Amino acid sequence: MGRIAATFWMRVVLAVARHPRLWATALVQLHRLAPSRWWRRPPFVPVPDRRYLEFRWATAYGAGRTPTPVDVVAYLEWCRERDR
């Protein structure tokens, strides 16, 4: 799978932006999944570890496949309900 493309992240951000009720949930999940001391390593943004995401995506979608932005929104909706 290699590097996760910036276009993937942009599409996810745009999809989540259309759902204001999920903004706080997205920030909580970003905080939970971000590696500790993320600010000390490039790319200096709190994105989850690539290897962790690749493993999770492979177990959910099969090797070499990634979720769609719709899948990410559904995941965030599930997280929001679970945290209530």
N, C-alpha and C. Protein backbone atom coordinates (compact mmCIF):
# COMPACT_ATOMS: atom_id res chain seq x y z
N MET A 1 0.82 -1.19 0.00
CA MET A 1 0.00 0.00 0.00
C MET A 1 0.86 1.24 0.00
N GLY A 2 2.00 1.19 0.66
CA GLY A 2 2.91 2.33 0.66
C GLY A 2 2.34 3.54 1.39
N ARG A 3 2.71 4.69 0.88
CA ARG A 3 2.30 5.95 1.50
C ARG A 3 0.82 6.20 1.28
N ILE A 4 0.15 6.68 2.33
CA ILE A 4 -1.26 7.02 2.21
C ILE A 4 -1.33 8.41 1.60
N ALA A 5 -2.00 8.52 0.48
CA ALA A 5 -2.01 9.75 -0.31
C ALA A 5 -2.70 10.89 0.42
N ALA A 6 -2.15 12.09 0.21
CA ALA A 6 -2.75 13.29 0.77
C ALA A 6 -4.16 13.50 0.22
N THR A 7 -4.40 13.04 -1.00
CA THR A 7 -5.74 13.20 -1.57
C THR A 7 -6.77 12.39 -0.78
N PHE A 8 -6.35 11.24 -0.26
CA PHE A 8 -7.26 10.45 0.58
C PHE A 8 -7.67 11.27 1.80
N TRP A 9 -6.68 11.86 2.47
CA TRP A 9 -6.97 12.64 3.68
C TRP A 9 -7.84 13.85 3.34
N MET A 10 -7.60 14.49 2.21
CA MET A 10 -8.40 15.65 1.83
C MET A 10 -9.85 15.23 1.59
N ARG A 11 -10.05 14.11 0.92
CA ARG A 11 -11.42 13.64 0.68
C ARG A 11 -12.11 13.29 2.00
N VAL A 12 -11.38 12.72 2.93
CA VAL A 12 -11.95 12.39 4.24
C VAL A 12 -12.32 13.68 4.98
N VAL A 13 -11.43 14.65 4.99
CA VAL A 13 -11.71 15.92 5.67
C VAL A 13 -12.95 16.58 5.07
N LEU A 14 -13.06 16.59 3.75
CA LEU A 14 -14.22 17.19 3.11
C LEU A 14 -15.51 16.44 3.44
N ALA A 15 -15.43 15.12 3.50
CA ALA A 15 -16.62 14.33 3.85
C ALA A 15 -17.05 14.61 5.28
N VAL A 16 -16.11 14.67 6.19
CA VAL A 16 -16.44 14.93 7.60
C VAL A 16 -16.91 16.37 7.77
N ALA A 17 -16.38 17.28 7.00
CA ALA A 17 -16.78 18.69 7.10
C ALA A 17 -18.27 18.87 6.81
N ARG A 18 -18.85 17.99 6.04
CA ARG A 18 -20.27 18.07 5.71
C ARG A 18 -21.17 17.57 6.85
N HIS A 19 -20.55 17.08 7.94
CA HIS A 19 -21.30 16.54 9.07
C HIS A 19 -20.83 17.20 10.37
N PRO A 20 -21.30 18.42 10.63
CA PRO A 20 -20.82 19.16 11.82
C PRO A 20 -20.97 18.39 13.13
N ARG A 21 -21.98 17.54 13.24
CA ARG A 21 -22.16 16.80 14.50
C ARG A 21 -21.02 15.81 14.73
N LEU A 22 -20.24 15.51 13.69
CA LEU A 22 -19.13 14.56 13.83
C LEU A 22 -17.78 15.23 14.04
N TRP A 23 -17.74 16.55 13.99
CA TRP A 23 -16.46 17.24 14.12
C TRP A 23 -15.76 16.92 15.43
N ALA A 24 -16.48 17.01 16.53
CA ALA A 24 -15.86 16.72 17.84
C ALA A 24 -15.43 15.26 17.91
N THR A 25 -16.26 14.37 17.38
CA THR A 25 -15.91 12.94 17.38
C THR A 25 -14.65 12.70 16.57
N ALA A 26 -14.54 13.38 15.42
CA ALA A 26 -13.35 13.23 14.58
C ALA A 26 -12.10 13.70 15.32
N LEU A 27 -12.20 14.81 16.04
CA LEU A 27 -11.05 15.30 16.80
C LEU A 27 -10.67 14.33 17.93
N VAL A 28 -11.67 13.78 18.59
CA VAL A 28 -11.39 12.80 19.66
C VAL A 28 -10.69 11.58 19.07
N GLN A 29 -11.19 11.07 17.95
CA GLN A 29 -10.57 9.89 17.33
C GLN A 29 -9.16 10.21 16.83
N LEU A 30 -8.98 11.39 16.28
CA LEU A 30 -7.65 11.79 15.84
C LEU A 30 -6.68 11.80 17.02
N HIS A 31 -7.13 12.32 18.14
CA HIS A 31 -6.30 12.34 19.35
C HIS A 31 -6.00 10.92 19.83
N ARG A 32 -7.00 10.06 19.80
CA ARG A 32 -6.81 8.68 20.27
C ARG A 32 -5.86 7.88 19.38
N LEU A 33 -5.91 8.14 18.08
CA LEU A 33 -5.12 7.35 17.14
C LEU A 33 -3.75 7.95 16.82
N ALA A 34 -3.55 9.21 17.14
CA ALA A 34 -2.27 9.86 16.83
C ALA A 34 -1.16 9.27 17.70
N PRO A 35 -0.01 9.05 17.10
CA PRO A 35 1.11 8.53 17.90
C PRO A 35 1.54 9.55 18.95
N SER A 36 2.04 9.07 20.06
CA SER A 36 2.52 10.00 21.08
C SER A 36 3.68 10.82 20.51
N ARG A 37 3.74 12.03 20.93
CA ARG A 37 4.79 12.99 20.49
C ARG A 37 4.85 13.13 18.97
N TRP A 38 3.69 13.16 18.34
CA TRP A 38 3.62 13.28 16.88
C TRP A 38 4.29 14.55 16.38
N TRP A 39 4.35 15.57 17.20
CA TRP A 39 4.93 16.84 16.78
C TRP A 39 6.45 16.78 16.61
N ARG A 40 7.07 15.70 17.02
CA ARG A 40 8.52 15.56 16.91
C ARG A 40 8.97 14.86 15.63
N ARG A 41 8.01 14.30 14.88
CA ARG A 41 8.36 13.54 13.67
C ARG A 41 7.59 14.06 12.46
N PRO A 42 8.27 14.08 11.31
CA PRO A 42 7.55 14.46 10.10
C PRO A 42 6.40 13.50 9.87
N PRO A 43 5.31 13.92 9.40
CA PRO A 43 4.98 15.21 8.78
C PRO A 43 4.52 16.27 9.77
N PHE A 44 4.73 16.07 11.05
CA PHE A 44 4.42 17.05 12.09
C PHE A 44 2.92 17.36 12.16
N VAL A 45 2.10 16.38 11.87
CA VAL A 45 0.65 16.48 12.03
C VAL A 45 0.18 15.22 12.74
N PRO A 46 -0.93 15.31 13.48
CA PRO A 46 -1.35 14.17 14.30
C PRO A 46 -2.11 13.09 13.52
N VAL A 47 -1.51 12.56 12.47
CA VAL A 47 -2.16 11.49 11.73
C VAL A 47 -1.78 10.14 12.34
N PRO A 48 -2.69 9.19 12.30
CA PRO A 48 -2.38 7.87 12.84
C PRO A 48 -1.21 7.22 12.10
N ASP A 49 -0.54 6.33 12.77
CA ASP A 49 0.59 5.63 12.19
C ASP A 49 0.16 4.87 10.94
N ARG A 50 0.90 5.02 9.86
CA ARG A 50 0.59 4.40 8.58
C ARG A 50 0.50 2.88 8.70
N ARG A 51 1.42 2.26 9.43
CA ARG A 51 1.41 0.80 9.58
C ARG A 51 0.16 0.32 10.31
N TYR A 52 -0.26 1.08 11.32
CA TYR A 52 -1.47 0.71 12.05
C TYR A 52 -2.69 0.79 11.12
N LEU A 53 -2.78 1.89 10.37
CA LEU A 53 -3.91 2.04 9.45
C LEU A 53 -3.91 0.95 8.39
N GLU A 54 -2.76 0.64 7.84
CA GLU A 54 -2.68 -0.41 6.83
C GLU A 54 -3.14 -1.76 7.39
N PHE A 55 -2.74 -2.06 8.62
CA PHE A 55 -3.18 -3.30 9.26
C PHE A 55 -4.68 -3.31 9.45
N ARG A 56 -5.23 -2.22 10.00
CA ARG A 56 -6.67 -2.16 10.25
C ARG A 56 -7.46 -2.25 8.95
N TRP A 57 -6.98 -1.56 7.91
CA TRP A 57 -7.68 -1.57 6.63
C TRP A 57 -7.59 -2.94 5.97
N ALA A 58 -6.44 -3.60 6.11
CA ALA A 58 -6.29 -4.94 5.51
C ALA A 58 -7.23 -5.94 6.18
N THR A 59 -7.40 -5.80 7.50
CA THR A 59 -8.30 -6.73 8.19
C THR A 59 -9.76 -6.44 7.87
N ALA A 60 -10.08 -5.21 7.54
CA ALA A 60 -11.47 -4.84 7.25
C ALA A 60 -11.82 -4.96 5.77
N TYR A 61 -10.89 -4.60 4.88
CA TYR A 61 -11.20 -4.48 3.46
C TYR A 61 -10.41 -5.43 2.56
N GLY A 62 -9.39 -6.06 3.11
CA GLY A 62 -8.52 -6.89 2.29
C GLY A 62 -7.24 -6.13 1.97
N ALA A 63 -6.21 -6.86 1.64
CA ALA A 63 -4.89 -6.26 1.39
C ALA A 63 -4.95 -5.27 0.23
N GLY A 64 -4.31 -4.12 0.43
CA GLY A 64 -4.18 -3.14 -0.64
C GLY A 64 -5.39 -2.25 -0.87
N ARG A 65 -6.43 -2.39 -0.07
CA ARG A 65 -7.62 -1.57 -0.25
C ARG A 65 -7.75 -0.59 0.90
N THR A 66 -8.37 0.54 0.63
CA THR A 66 -8.57 1.56 1.66
C THR A 66 -10.06 1.88 1.77
N PRO A 67 -10.47 2.43 2.91
CA PRO A 67 -11.87 2.80 3.04
C PRO A 67 -12.19 4.01 2.18
N THR A 68 -13.46 4.21 1.95
CA THR A 68 -13.91 5.41 1.26
C THR A 68 -14.21 6.47 2.31
N PRO A 69 -14.30 7.73 1.91
CA PRO A 69 -14.72 8.76 2.87
C PRO A 69 -16.07 8.44 3.52
N VAL A 70 -16.96 7.80 2.78
CA VAL A 70 -18.26 7.40 3.34
C VAL A 70 -18.05 6.40 4.48
N ASP A 71 -17.09 5.49 4.31
CA ASP A 71 -16.77 4.52 5.37
C ASP A 71 -16.26 5.23 6.62
N VAL A 72 -15.44 6.25 6.42
CA VAL A 72 -14.89 6.99 7.56
C VAL A 72 -16.01 7.72 8.29
N VAL A 73 -16.92 8.32 7.56
CA VAL A 73 -18.07 8.99 8.19
C VAL A 73 -18.91 7.98 8.97
N ALA A 74 -19.15 6.81 8.40
CA ALA A 74 -19.91 5.77 9.11
C ALA A 74 -19.18 5.34 10.38
N TYR A 75 -17.86 5.20 10.29
CA TYR A 75 -17.07 4.85 11.48
C TYR A 75 -17.21 5.92 12.56
N LEU A 76 -17.13 7.19 12.16
CA LEU A 76 -17.26 8.27 13.14
C LEU A 76 -18.66 8.31 13.75
N GLU A 77 -19.67 8.02 12.96
CA GLU A 77 -21.03 7.94 13.51
C GLU A 77 -21.12 6.82 14.53
N TRP A 78 -20.49 5.68 14.23
CA TRP A 78 -20.47 4.57 15.18
C TRP A 78 -19.75 4.98 16.47
N CYS A 79 -18.59 5.65 16.33
CA CYS A 79 -17.84 6.12 17.51
C CYS A 79 -18.67 7.07 18.34
N ARG A 80 -19.37 7.97 17.68
CA ARG A 80 -20.20 8.95 18.37
C ARG A 80 -21.29 8.25 19.20
N GLU A 81 -21.93 7.28 18.60
CA GLU A 81 -22.97 6.52 19.33
C GLU A 81 -22.37 5.71 20.46
N ARG A 82 -21.23 5.12 20.24
CA ARG A 82 -20.58 4.29 21.26
C ARG A 82 -20.17 5.12 22.46
N ASP A 83 -19.71 6.36 22.22
CA ASP A 83 -19.21 7.21 23.31
C ASP A 83 -20.34 7.89 24.09
N ARG A 84 -21.56 7.79 23.62
CA ARG A 84 -22.67 8.46 24.32
C ARG A 84 -22.96 7.81 25.64
